[in-house]
Amino acid sequence: MLEALLRDLFNNAEKADKKTRRRSLKDLDRSAATLAAACKVVLDSSISDDNVRARLFNDLPRVTLEKALDEVNALIRPANDVFTSLWRSATAACAVSFPTYSLRLQPCWQGSGC
């Protein structure tokens, strides 16, 4: 029974994660395009090093670049982050179903050892 519960929890969390990632692709595309335009200016050898920042901020306002960078950073995640989000979902459900044991649930990659 616990195995079935955990399997369902992990499957549902994985589906939710994929759905969230698909929704964030539009934001990622927009931000990546903005950062690509910034890189184009930085890599343009016809612009002197002394003028790169001035040209960059002329073409793309600083606030636009900051927003794009924040969006990309928010969407980037470490390779093991899927497991962390799955673990949070599983432990939340276990806390409801098995409150006595939920206090001891801690993923091994967060310091408890495997």
PDB file of N, CA and C in Angstrom:
ATOM      1  N   MET A   1       0.819  -1.189   0.000  1.00  0.00           N
ATOM      2  CA  MET A   1       0.000   0.000   0.000  1.00  0.00           C
ATOM      3  C   MET A   1       0.873   1.266   0.000  1.00  0.00           C
ATOM      4  N   LEU A   2       1.886   1.293   0.848  1.00  0.00           N
ATOM      5  CA  LEU A   2       2.785   2.442   0.873  1.00  0.00           C
ATOM      6  C   LEU A   2       3.495   2.587  -0.468  1.00  0.00           C
ATOM      7  N   GLU A   3       3.891   1.454  -1.042  1.00  0.00           N
ATOM      8  CA  GLU A   3       4.569   1.496  -2.344  1.00  0.00           C
ATOM      9  C   GLU A   3       3.666   2.103  -3.407  1.00  0.00           C
ATOM     10  N   ALA A   4       2.398   1.713  -3.415  1.00  0.00           N
ATOM     11  CA  ALA A   4       1.446   2.256  -4.392  1.00  0.00           C
ATOM     12  C   ALA A   4       1.237   3.752  -4.157  1.00  0.00           C
ATOM     13  N   LEU A   5       1.131   4.149  -2.901  1.00  0.00           N
ATOM     14  CA  LEU A   5       0.962   5.557  -2.571  1.00  0.00           C
ATOM     15  C   LEU A   5       2.153   6.376  -3.053  1.00  0.00           C
ATOM     16  N   LEU A   6       3.342   5.887  -2.748  1.00  0.00           N
ATOM     17  CA  LEU A   6       4.550   6.617  -3.174  1.00  0.00           C
ATOM     18  C   LEU A   6       4.675   6.660  -4.692  1.00  0.00           C
ATOM     19  N   ARG A   7       4.351   5.552  -5.358  1.00  0.00           N
ATOM     20  CA  ARG A   7       4.421   5.532  -6.822  1.00  0.00           C
ATOM     21  C   ARG A   7       3.468   6.572  -7.403  1.00  0.00           C
ATOM     22  N   ASP A   8       2.245   6.633  -6.877  1.00  0.00           N
ATOM     23  CA  ASP A   8       1.280   7.625  -7.348  1.00  0.00           C
ATOM     24  C   ASP A   8       1.762   9.044  -7.071  1.00  0.00           C
ATOM     25  N   LEU A   9       2.316   9.258  -5.895  1.00  0.00           N
ATOM     26  CA  LEU A   9       2.823  10.581  -5.545  1.00  0.00           C
ATOM     27  C   LEU A   9       3.939  11.020  -6.483  1.00  0.00           C
ATOM     28  N   PHE A  10       4.878  10.131  -6.722  1.00  0.00           N
ATOM     29  CA  PHE A  10       5.997  10.463  -7.599  1.00  0.00           C
ATOM     30  C   PHE A  10       5.523  10.691  -9.038  1.00  0.00           C
ATOM     31  N   ASN A  11       4.606   9.857  -9.514  1.00  0.00           N
ATOM     32  CA  ASN A  11       4.077  10.014 -10.873  1.00  0.00           C
ATOM     33  C   ASN A  11       3.334  11.341 -11.013  1.00  0.00           C
ATOM     34  N   ASN A  12       2.508  11.673 -10.029  1.00  0.00           N
ATOM     35  CA  ASN A  12       1.771  12.937 -10.080  1.00  0.00           C
ATOM     36  C   ASN A  12       2.702  14.135  -9.986  1.00  0.00           C
ATOM     37  N   ALA A  13       3.699  14.043  -9.143  1.00  0.00           N
ATOM     38  CA  ALA A  13       4.661  15.144  -9.016  1.00  0.00           C
ATOM     39  C   ALA A  13       5.451  15.317 -10.310  1.00  0.00           C
ATOM     40  N   GLU A  14       5.811  14.215 -10.925  1.00  0.00           N
ATOM     41  CA  GLU A  14       6.554  14.293 -12.181  1.00  0.00           C
ATOM     42  C   GLU A  14       5.694  14.911 -13.281  1.00  0.00           C
ATOM     43  N   LYS A  15       4.425  14.547 -13.360  1.00  0.00           N
ATOM     44  CA  LYS A  15       3.515  15.132 -14.347  1.00  0.00           C
ATOM     45  C   LYS A  15       3.346  16.628 -14.105  1.00  0.00           C
ATOM     46  N   ALA A  16       3.177  17.010 -12.852  1.00  0.00           N
ATOM     47  CA  ALA A  16       3.024  18.429 -12.514  1.00  0.00           C
ATOM     48  C   ALA A  16       4.280  19.207 -12.865  1.00  0.00           C
ATOM     49  N   ASP A  17       5.432  18.602 -12.623  1.00  0.00           N
ATOM     50  CA  ASP A  17       6.698  19.255 -12.945  1.00  0.00           C
ATOM     51  C   ASP A  17       6.830  19.471 -14.448  1.00  0.00           C
ATOM     52  N   LYS A  18       6.486  18.462 -15.229  1.00  0.00           N
ATOM     53  CA  LYS A  18       6.560  18.588 -16.696  1.00  0.00           C
ATOM     54  C   LYS A  18       5.598  19.655 -17.199  1.00  0.00           C
ATOM     55  N   LYS A  19       4.403  19.703 -16.631  1.00  0.00           N
ATOM     56  CA  LYS A  19       3.412  20.700 -17.032  1.00  0.00           C
ATOM     57  C   LYS A  19       3.917  22.111 -16.732  1.00  0.00           C
ATOM     58  N   THR A  20       4.502  22.291 -15.560  1.00  0.00           N
ATOM     59  CA  THR A  20       5.051  23.591 -15.173  1.00  0.00           C
ATOM     60  C   THR A  20       6.192  23.990 -16.095  1.00  0.00           C
ATOM     61  N   ARG A  21       7.055  23.046 -16.425  1.00  0.00           N
ATOM     62  CA  ARG A  21       8.180  23.337 -17.322  1.00  0.00           C
ATOM     63  C   ARG A  21       7.693  23.737 -18.707  1.00  0.00           C
ATOM     64  N   ARG A  22       6.653  23.052 -19.208  1.00  0.00           N
ATOM     65  CA  ARG A  22       6.113  23.408 -20.532  1.00  0.00           C
ATOM     66  C   ARG A  22       5.544  24.820 -20.524  1.00  0.00           C
ATOM     67  N   ARG A  23       4.860  25.185 -19.442  1.00  0.00           N
ATOM     68  CA  ARG A  23       4.300  26.530 -19.340  1.00  0.00           C
ATOM     69  C   ARG A  23       5.394  27.587 -19.273  1.00  0.00           C
ATOM     70  N   SER A  24       6.534  27.257 -18.716  1.00  0.00           N
ATOM     71  CA  SER A  24       7.603  28.234 -18.557  1.00  0.00           C
ATOM     72  C   SER A  24       8.464  28.384 -19.811  1.00  0.00           C
ATOM     73  N   LEU A  25       8.242  27.550 -20.822  1.00  0.00           N
ATOM     74  CA  LEU A  25       9.063  27.626 -22.036  1.00  0.00           C
ATOM     75  C   LEU A  25       8.913  28.965 -22.759  1.00  0.00           C
ATOM     76  N   LYS A  26       7.710  29.531 -22.778  1.00  0.00           N
ATOM     77  CA  LYS A  26       7.500  30.811 -23.447  1.00  0.00           C
ATOM     78  C   LYS A  26       8.331  31.897 -22.771  1.00  0.00           C
ATOM     79  N   ASP A  27       8.332  31.900 -21.439  1.00  0.00           N
ATOM     80  CA  ASP A  27       9.149  32.866 -20.698  1.00  0.00           C
ATOM     81  C   ASP A  27      10.630  32.644 -20.960  1.00  0.00           C
ATOM     82  N   LEU A  28      11.032  31.389 -20.981  1.00  0.00           N
ATOM     83  CA  LEU A  28      12.433  31.063 -21.223  1.00  0.00           C
ATOM     84  C   LEU A  28      12.850  31.495 -22.623  1.00  0.00           C
ATOM     85  N   ASP A  29      12.001  31.271 -23.614  1.00  0.00           N
ATOM     86  CA  ASP A  29      12.313  31.694 -24.988  1.00  0.00           C
ATOM     87  C   ASP A  29      12.508  33.207 -25.068  1.00  0.00           C
ATOM     88  N   ARG A  30      11.600  33.950 -24.456  1.00  0.00           N
ATOM     89  CA  ARG A  30      11.685  35.417 -24.496  1.00  0.00           C
ATOM     90  C   ARG A  30      12.966  35.900 -23.811  1.00  0.00           C
ATOM     91  N   SER A  31      13.241  35.346 -22.648  1.00  0.00           N
ATOM     92  CA  SER A  31      14.432  35.761 -21.904  1.00  0.00           C
ATOM     93  C   SER A  31      15.711  35.344 -22.619  1.00  0.00           C
ATOM     94  N   ALA A  32      15.709  34.147 -23.188  1.00  0.00           N
ATOM     95  CA  ALA A  32      16.889  33.679 -23.927  1.00  0.00           C
ATOM     96  C   ALA A  32      17.144  34.565 -25.144  1.00  0.00           C
ATOM     97  N   ALA A  33      16.087  34.992 -25.806  1.00  0.00           N
ATOM     98  CA  ALA A  33      16.253  35.883 -26.965  1.00  0.00           C
ATOM     99  C   ALA A  33      16.857  37.217 -26.543  1.00  0.00           C
ATOM    100  N   THR A  34      16.415  37.736 -25.415  1.00  0.00           N
ATOM    101  CA  THR A  34      16.968  38.997 -24.896  1.00  0.00           C
ATOM    102  C   THR A  34      18.440  38.834 -24.556  1.00  0.00           C
ATOM    103  N   LEU A  35      18.781  37.753 -23.862  1.00  0.00           N
ATOM    104  CA  LEU A  35      20.183  37.528 -23.493  1.00  0.00           C
ATOM    105  C   LEU A  35      21.043  37.230 -24.717  1.00  0.00           C
ATOM    106  N   ALA A  36      20.471  36.580 -25.724  1.00  0.00           N
ATOM    107  CA  ALA A  36      21.216  36.328 -26.965  1.00  0.00           C
ATOM    108  C   ALA A  36      21.524  37.657 -27.665  1.00  0.00           C
ATOM    109  N   ALA A  37      20.563  38.571 -27.661  1.00  0.00           N
ATOM    110  CA  ALA A  37      20.799  39.887 -28.256  1.00  0.00           C
ATOM    111  C   ALA A  37      21.913  40.623 -27.506  1.00  0.00           C
ATOM    112  N   ALA A  38      21.944  40.483 -26.198  1.00  0.00           N
ATOM    113  CA  ALA A  38      23.003  41.107 -25.399  1.00  0.00           C
ATOM    114  C   ALA A  38      24.361  40.493 -25.737  1.00  0.00           C
ATOM    115  N   CYS A  39      24.395  39.192 -25.857  1.00  0.00           N
ATOM    116  CA  CYS A  39      25.656  38.518 -26.211  1.00  0.00           C
ATOM    117  C   CYS A  39      26.143  38.942 -27.586  1.00  0.00           C
ATOM    118  N   LYS A  40      25.211  39.140 -28.491  1.00  0.00           N
ATOM    119  CA  LYS A  40      25.562  39.587 -29.848  1.00  0.00           C
ATOM    120  C   LYS A  40      26.308  40.919 -29.792  1.00  0.00           C
ATOM    121  N   VAL A  41      25.829  41.817 -28.953  1.00  0.00           N
ATOM    122  CA  VAL A  41      26.486  43.123 -28.804  1.00  0.00           C
ATOM    123  C   VAL A  41      27.865  42.938 -28.180  1.00  0.00           C
ATOM    124  N   VAL A  42      27.957  42.128 -27.146  1.00  0.00           N
ATOM    125  CA  VAL A  42      29.235  41.912 -26.457  1.00  0.00           C
ATOM    126  C   VAL A  42      30.255  41.286 -27.402  1.00  0.00           C
ATOM    127  N   LEU A  43      29.811  40.380 -28.259  1.00  0.00           N
ATOM    128  CA  LEU A  43      30.731  39.680 -29.156  1.00  0.00           C
ATOM    129  C   LEU A  43      31.009  40.422 -30.465  1.00  0.00           C
ATOM    130  N   ASP A  44      30.311  41.505 -30.701  1.00  0.00           N
ATOM    131  CA  ASP A  44      30.499  42.282 -31.931  1.00  0.00           C
ATOM    132  C   ASP A  44      31.867  42.967 -31.888  1.00  0.00           C
ATOM    133  N   SER A  45      32.771  42.500 -32.715  1.00  0.00           N
ATOM    134  CA  SER A  45      34.142  43.035 -32.701  1.00  0.00           C
ATOM    135  C   SER A  45      34.234  44.442 -33.272  1.00  0.00           C
ATOM    136  N   SER A  46      33.168  44.919 -33.934  1.00  0.00           N
ATOM    137  CA  SER A  46      33.204  46.292 -34.451  1.00  0.00           C
ATOM    138  C   SER A  46      32.928  47.323 -33.350  1.00  0.00           C
ATOM    139  N   ILE A  47      32.495  46.861 -32.192  1.00  0.00           N
ATOM    140  CA  ILE A  47      32.246  47.759 -31.062  1.00  0.00           C
ATOM    141  C   ILE A  47      33.456  47.672 -30.127  1.00  0.00           C
ATOM    142  N   SER A  48      34.050  48.812 -29.841  1.00  0.00           N
ATOM    143  CA  SER A  48      35.239  48.815 -28.984  1.00  0.00           C
ATOM    144  C   SER A  48      34.860  48.412 -27.562  1.00  0.00           C
ATOM    145  N   ASP A  49      35.826  47.848 -26.863  1.00  0.00           N
ATOM    146  CA  ASP A  49      35.589  47.412 -25.492  1.00  0.00           C
ATOM    147  C   ASP A  49      35.086  48.571 -24.612  1.00  0.00           C
ATOM    148  N   ASP A  50      35.569  49.756 -24.870  1.00  0.00           N
ATOM    149  CA  ASP A  50      35.159  50.925 -24.085  1.00  0.00           C
ATOM    150  C   ASP A  50      33.689  51.294 -24.303  1.00  0.00           C
ATOM    151  N   ASN A  51      33.149  50.882 -25.445  1.00  0.00           N
ATOM    152  CA  ASN A  51      31.782  51.278 -25.797  1.00  0.00           C
ATOM    153  C   ASN A  51      30.751  50.152 -25.685  1.00  0.00           C
ATOM    154  N   VAL A  52      31.192  48.971 -25.303  1.00  0.00           N
ATOM    155  CA  VAL A  52      30.273  47.829 -25.282  1.00  0.00           C
ATOM    156  C   VAL A  52      29.091  48.070 -24.338  1.00  0.00           C
ATOM    157  N   ARG A  53      29.375  48.479 -23.103  1.00  0.00           N
ATOM    158  CA  ARG A  53      28.276  48.687 -22.137  1.00  0.00           C
ATOM    159  C   ARG A  53      27.322  49.777 -22.601  1.00  0.00           C
ATOM    160  N   ALA A  54      27.860  50.868 -23.100  1.00  0.00           N
ATOM    161  CA  ALA A  54      27.005  51.967 -23.564  1.00  0.00           C
ATOM    162  C   ALA A  54      26.104  51.489 -24.697  1.00  0.00           C
ATOM    163  N   ARG A  55      26.683  50.757 -25.633  1.00  0.00           N
ATOM    164  CA  ARG A  55      25.905  50.234 -26.761  1.00  0.00           C
ATOM    165  C   ARG A  55      24.880  49.208 -26.287  1.00  0.00           C
ATOM    166  N   LEU A  56      25.304  48.348 -25.387  1.00  0.00           N
ATOM    167  CA  LEU A  56      24.414  47.317 -24.874  1.00  0.00           C
ATOM    168  C   LEU A  56      23.193  47.942 -24.208  1.00  0.00           C
ATOM    169  N   PHE A  57      23.421  48.896 -23.298  1.00  0.00           N
ATOM    170  CA  PHE A  57      22.308  49.515 -22.598  1.00  0.00           C
ATOM    171  C   PHE A  57      21.511  50.459 -23.483  1.00  0.00           C
ATOM    172  N   ASN A  58      22.102  50.890 -24.578  1.00  0.00           N
ATOM    173  CA  ASN A  58      21.356  51.670 -25.557  1.00  0.00           C
ATOM    174  C   ASN A  58      20.368  50.756 -26.307  1.00  0.00           C
ATOM    175  N   ASP A  59      20.845  49.574 -26.676  1.00  0.00           N
ATOM    176  CA  ASP A  59      20.000  48.619 -27.407  1.00  0.00           C
ATOM    177  C   ASP A  59      18.997  47.916 -26.496  1.00  0.00           C
ATOM    178  N   LEU A  60      19.445  47.584 -25.297  1.00  0.00           N
ATOM    179  CA  LEU A  60      18.606  46.850 -24.340  1.00  0.00           C
ATOM    180  C   LEU A  60      18.702  47.535 -22.986  1.00  0.00           C
ATOM    181  N   PRO A  61      17.636  48.139 -22.529  1.00  0.00           N
ATOM    182  CA  PRO A  61      17.691  48.808 -21.224  1.00  0.00           C
ATOM    183  C   PRO A  61      18.112  47.836 -20.114  1.00  0.00           C
ATOM    184  N   ARG A  62      18.812  48.364 -19.152  1.00  0.00           N
ATOM    185  CA  ARG A  62      19.314  47.545 -18.046  1.00  0.00           C
ATOM    186  C   ARG A  62      18.199  46.745 -17.375  1.00  0.00           C
ATOM    187  N   VAL A  63      17.050  47.374 -17.172  1.00  0.00           N
ATOM    188  CA  VAL A  63      15.933  46.691 -16.508  1.00  0.00           C
ATOM    189  C   VAL A  63      15.455  45.491 -17.338  1.00  0.00           C
ATOM    190  N   THR A  64      15.510  45.593 -18.648  1.00  0.00           N
ATOM    191  CA  THR A  64      15.128  44.478 -19.529  1.00  0.00           C
ATOM    192  C   THR A  64      16.102  43.325 -19.367  1.00  0.00           C
ATOM    193  N   LEU A  65      17.385  43.644 -19.317  1.00  0.00           N
ATOM    194  CA  LEU A  65      18.403  42.606 -19.124  1.00  0.00           C
ATOM    195  C   LEU A  65      18.281  41.955 -17.746  1.00  0.00           C
ATOM    196  N   GLU A  66      18.058  42.768 -16.721  1.00  0.00           N
ATOM    197  CA  GLU A  66      17.902  42.225 -15.372  1.00  0.00           C
ATOM    198  C   GLU A  66      16.696  41.295 -15.283  1.00  0.00           C
ATOM    199  N   LYS A  67      15.597  41.689 -15.926  1.00  0.00           N
ATOM    200  CA  LYS A  67      14.395  40.859 -15.911  1.00  0.00           C
ATOM    201  C   LYS A  67      14.650  39.534 -16.637  1.00  0.00           C
ATOM    202  N   ALA A  68      15.303  39.605 -17.788  1.00  0.00           N
ATOM    203  CA  ALA A  68      15.612  38.384 -18.548  1.00  0.00           C
ATOM    204  C   ALA A  68      16.522  37.464 -17.737  1.00  0.00           C
ATOM    205  N   LEU A  69      17.509  38.031 -17.104  1.00  0.00           N
ATOM    206  CA  LEU A  69      18.431  37.240 -16.290  1.00  0.00           C
ATOM    207  C   LEU A  69      17.706  36.599 -15.107  1.00  0.00           C
ATOM    208  N   ASP A  70      16.848  37.362 -14.455  1.00  0.00           N
ATOM    209  CA  ASP A  70      16.071  36.811 -13.333  1.00  0.00           C
ATOM    210  C   ASP A  70      15.170  35.672 -13.787  1.00  0.00           C
ATOM    211  N   GLU A  71      14.518  35.829 -14.950  1.00  0.00           N
ATOM    212  CA  GLU A  71      13.628  34.781 -15.453  1.00  0.00           C
ATOM    213  C   GLU A  71      14.401  33.509 -15.790  1.00  0.00           C
ATOM    214  N   VAL A  72      15.545  33.669 -16.436  1.00  0.00           N
ATOM    215  CA  VAL A  72      16.353  32.499 -16.786  1.00  0.00           C
ATOM    216  C   VAL A  72      16.870  31.822 -15.520  1.00  0.00           C
ATOM    217  N   ASN A  73      17.354  32.598 -14.576  1.00  0.00           N
ATOM    218  CA  ASN A  73      17.846  32.015 -13.326  1.00  0.00           C
ATOM    219  C   ASN A  73      16.744  31.289 -12.566  1.00  0.00           C
ATOM    220  N   ALA A  74      15.523  31.816 -12.632  1.00  0.00           N
ATOM    221  CA  ALA A  74      14.401  31.161 -11.948  1.00  0.00           C
ATOM    222  C   ALA A  74      14.038  29.833 -12.609  1.00  0.00           C
ATOM    223  N   LEU A  75      14.283  29.728 -13.909  1.00  0.00           N
ATOM    224  CA  LEU A  75      13.905  28.515 -14.639  1.00  0.00           C
ATOM    225  C   LEU A  75      15.008  27.472 -14.676  1.00  0.00           C
ATOM    226  N   ILE A  76      16.231  27.897 -14.443  1.00  0.00           N
ATOM    227  CA  ILE A  76      17.343  26.952 -14.410  1.00  0.00           C
ATOM    228  C   ILE A  76      17.299  26.230 -13.083  1.00  0.00           C
ATOM    229  N   ARG A  77      17.533  24.943 -13.122  1.00  0.00           N
ATOM    230  CA  ARG A  77      17.554  24.187 -11.872  1.00  0.00           C
ATOM    231  C   ARG A  77      18.639  23.137 -11.938  1.00  0.00           C
ATOM    232  N   PRO A  78      19.141  22.767 -10.790  1.00  0.00           N
ATOM    233  CA  PRO A  78      20.163  21.722 -10.764  1.00  0.00           C
ATOM    234  C   PRO A  78      19.595  20.396 -11.270  1.00  0.00           C
ATOM    235  N   ALA A  79      20.476  19.531 -11.699  1.00  0.00           N
ATOM    236  CA  ALA A  79      20.050  18.243 -12.257  1.00  0.00           C
ATOM    237  C   ALA A  79      19.228  17.429 -11.270  1.00  0.00           C
ATOM    238  N   ASN A  80      19.511  17.529  -9.978  1.00  0.00           N
ATOM    239  CA  ASN A  80      18.787  16.712  -9.000  1.00  0.00           C
ATOM    240  C   ASN A  80      17.560  17.407  -8.430  1.00  0.00           C
ATOM    241  N   ASP A  81      17.187  18.564  -8.969  1.00  0.00           N
ATOM    242  CA  ASP A  81      16.055  19.302  -8.430  1.00  0.00           C
ATOM    243  C   ASP A  81      14.731  18.565  -8.617  1.00  0.00           C
ATOM    244  N   VAL A  82      14.606  17.752  -9.657  1.00  0.00           N
ATOM    245  CA  VAL A  82      13.393  16.968  -9.855  1.00  0.00           C
ATOM    246  C   VAL A  82      13.179  16.064  -8.659  1.00  0.00           C
ATOM    247  N   PHE A  83      14.245  15.452  -8.181  1.00  0.00           N
ATOM    248  CA  PHE A  83      14.131  14.567  -7.038  1.00  0.00           C
ATOM    249  C   PHE A  83      13.727  15.336  -5.781  1.00  0.00           C
ATOM    250  N   THR A  84      14.250  16.535  -5.631  1.00  0.00           N
ATOM    251  CA  THR A  84      13.899  17.344  -4.474  1.00  0.00           C
ATOM    252  C   THR A  84      12.416  17.679  -4.484  1.00  0.00           C
ATOM    253  N   SER A  85      11.889  18.097  -5.638  1.00  0.00           N
ATOM    254  CA  SER A  85      10.467  18.431  -5.697  1.00  0.00           C
ATOM    255  C   SER A  85       9.609  17.186  -5.530  1.00  0.00           C
ATOM    256  N   LEU A  86      10.052  16.070  -6.088  1.00  0.00           N
ATOM    257  CA  LEU A  86       9.316  14.821  -5.890  1.00  0.00           C
ATOM    258  C   LEU A  86       9.325  14.431  -4.419  1.00  0.00           C
ATOM    259  N   TRP A  87      10.464  14.614  -3.769  1.00  0.00           N
ATOM    260  CA  TRP A  87      10.573  14.253  -2.359  1.00  0.00           C
ATOM    261  C   TRP A  87       9.641  15.117  -1.512  1.00  0.00           C
ATOM    262  N   ARG A  88       9.590  16.406  -1.820  1.00  0.00           N
ATOM    263  CA  ARG A  88       8.701  17.295  -1.061  1.00  0.00           C
ATOM    264  C   ARG A  88       7.245  16.853  -1.199  1.00  0.00           C
ATOM    265  N   SER A  89       6.852  16.482  -2.409  1.00  0.00           N
ATOM    266  CA  SER A  89       5.480  16.018  -2.628  1.00  0.00           C
ATOM    267  C   SER A  89       5.208  14.745  -1.846  1.00  0.00           C
ATOM    268  N   ALA A  90       6.157  13.828  -1.899  1.00  0.00           N
ATOM    269  CA  ALA A  90       5.973  12.545  -1.212  1.00  0.00           C
ATOM    270  C   ALA A  90       5.919  12.732   0.294  1.00  0.00           C
ATOM    271  N   THR A  91       6.803  13.546   0.839  1.00  0.00           N
ATOM    272  CA  THR A  91       6.813  13.722   2.291  1.00  0.00           C
ATOM    273  C   THR A  91       5.587  14.485   2.772  1.00  0.00           C
ATOM    274  N   ALA A  92       5.082  15.396   1.951  1.00  0.00           N
ATOM    275  CA  ALA A  92       3.862  16.111   2.334  1.00  0.00           C
ATOM    276  C   ALA A  92       2.688  15.149   2.422  1.00  0.00           C
ATOM    277  N   ALA A  93       2.582  14.260   1.458  1.00  0.00           N
ATOM    278  CA  ALA A  93       1.496  13.286   1.475  1.00  0.00           C
ATOM    279  C   ALA A  93       1.681  12.289   2.621  1.00  0.00           C
ATOM    280  N   CYS A  94       2.907  11.896   2.871  1.00  0.00           N
ATOM    281  CA  CYS A  94       3.173  10.953   3.961  1.00  0.00           C
ATOM    282  C   CYS A  94       2.884  11.593   5.319  1.00  0.00           C
ATOM    283  N   ALA A  95       3.108  12.884   5.416  1.00  0.00           N
ATOM    284  CA  ALA A  95       2.831  13.570   6.680  1.00  0.00           C
ATOM    285  C   ALA A  95       1.346  13.492   7.019  1.00  0.00           C
ATOM    286  N   VAL A  96       0.519  13.510   5.990  1.00  0.00           N
ATOM    287  CA  VAL A  96      -0.920  13.398   6.209  1.00  0.00           C
ATOM    288  C   VAL A  96      -1.288  11.951   6.547  1.00  0.00           C
ATOM    289  N   SER A  97      -0.738  11.006   5.788  1.00  0.00           N
ATOM    290  CA  SER A  97      -1.100   9.598   5.959  1.00  0.00           C
ATOM    291  C   SER A  97      -0.406   8.927   7.134  1.00  0.00           C
ATOM    292  N   PHE A  98       0.844   9.329   7.389  1.00  0.00           N
ATOM    293  CA  PHE A  98       1.644   8.679   8.423  1.00  0.00           C
ATOM    294  C   PHE A  98       2.328   9.728   9.295  1.00  0.00           C
ATOM    295  N   PRO A  99       1.575  10.483  10.088  1.00  0.00           N
ATOM    296  CA  PRO A  99       2.167  11.602  10.838  1.00  0.00           C
ATOM    297  C   PRO A  99       3.258  11.193  11.818  1.00  0.00           C
ATOM    298  N   THR A 100       3.215   9.997  12.355  1.00  0.00           N
ATOM    299  CA  THR A 100       4.226   9.558  13.318  1.00  0.00           C
ATOM    300  C   THR A 100       5.591   9.432  12.666  1.00  0.00           C
ATOM    301  N   TYR A 101       5.618   8.961  11.423  1.00  0.00           N
ATOM    302  CA  TYR A 101       6.887   8.702  10.743  1.00  0.00           C
ATOM    303  C   TYR A 101       7.384   9.895   9.929  1.00  0.00           C
ATOM    304  N   SER A 102       6.505  10.820   9.597  1.00  0.00           N
ATOM    305  CA  SER A 102       6.889  11.897   8.682  1.00  0.00           C
ATOM    306  C   SER A 102       7.977  12.795   9.242  1.00  0.00           C
ATOM    307  N   LEU A 103       8.084  12.889  10.562  1.00  0.00           N
ATOM    308  CA  LEU A 103       9.124  13.732  11.141  1.00  0.00           C
ATOM    309  C   LEU A 103      10.515  13.198  10.855  1.00  0.00           C
ATOM    310  N   ARG A 104      10.622  11.896  10.601  1.00  0.00           N
ATOM    311  CA  ARG A 104      11.935  11.285  10.360  1.00  0.00           C
ATOM    312  C   ARG A 104      12.296  11.210   8.886  1.00  0.00           C
ATOM    313  N   LEU A 105      11.385  11.618   8.004  1.00  0.00           N
ATOM    314  CA  LEU A 105      11.651  11.532   6.566  1.00  0.00           C
ATOM    315  C   LEU A 105      12.556  12.675   6.138  1.00  0.00           C
ATOM    316  N   GLN A 106      13.699  12.314   5.625  1.00  0.00           N
ATOM    317  CA  GLN A 106      14.642  13.305   5.128  1.00  0.00           C
ATOM    318  C   GLN A 106      15.424  12.655   4.002  1.00  0.00           C
ATOM    319  N   PRO A 107      15.527  13.320   2.853  1.00  0.00           N
ATOM    320  CA  PRO A 107      16.260  12.705   1.745  1.00  0.00           C
ATOM    321  C   PRO A 107      17.743  12.554   2.069  1.00  0.00           C
ATOM    322  N   CYS A 108      18.340  11.462   1.608  1.00  0.00           N
ATOM    323  CA  CYS A 108      19.739  11.202   1.930  1.00  0.00           C
ATOM    324  C   CYS A 108      20.679  12.220   1.323  1.00  0.00           C
ATOM    325  N   TRP A 109      20.267  12.875   0.226  1.00  0.00           N
ATOM    326  CA  TRP A 109      21.152  13.861  -0.389  1.00  0.00           C
ATOM    327  C   TRP A 109      21.122  15.178   0.373  1.00  0.00           C
ATOM    328  N   GLN A 110      20.322  15.269   1.444  1.00  0.00           N
ATOM    329  CA  GLN A 110      20.303  16.492   2.242  1.00  0.00           C
ATOM    330  C   GLN A 110      20.909  16.255   3.626  1.00  0.00           C
ATOM    331  N   GLY A 111      21.850  15.358   3.711  1.00  0.00           N
ATOM    332  CA  GLY A 111      22.620  15.245   4.930  1.00  0.00           C
ATOM    333  C   GLY A 111      22.357  14.070   5.824  1.00  0.00           C
ATOM    334  N   SER A 112      21.301  13.304   5.579  1.00  0.00           N
ATOM    335  CA  SER A 112      21.022  12.198   6.491  1.00  0.00           C
ATOM    336  C   SER A 112      21.790  10.940   6.122  1.00  0.00           C
ATOM    337  N   GLY A 113      22.401  10.930   4.947  1.00  0.00           N
ATOM    338  CA  GLY A 113      23.144   9.748   4.490  1.00  0.00           C
ATOM    339  C   GLY A 113      22.222   8.697   3.932  1.00  0.00           C
ATOM    340  N   CYS A 114      22.732   7.943   2.991  1.00  0.00           N
ATOM    341  CA  CYS A 114      21.912   6.915   2.340  1.00  0.00           C
ATOM    342  C   CYS A 114      22.247   5.539   2.875  1.00  0.00           C
TER     343      CYS A 114
END
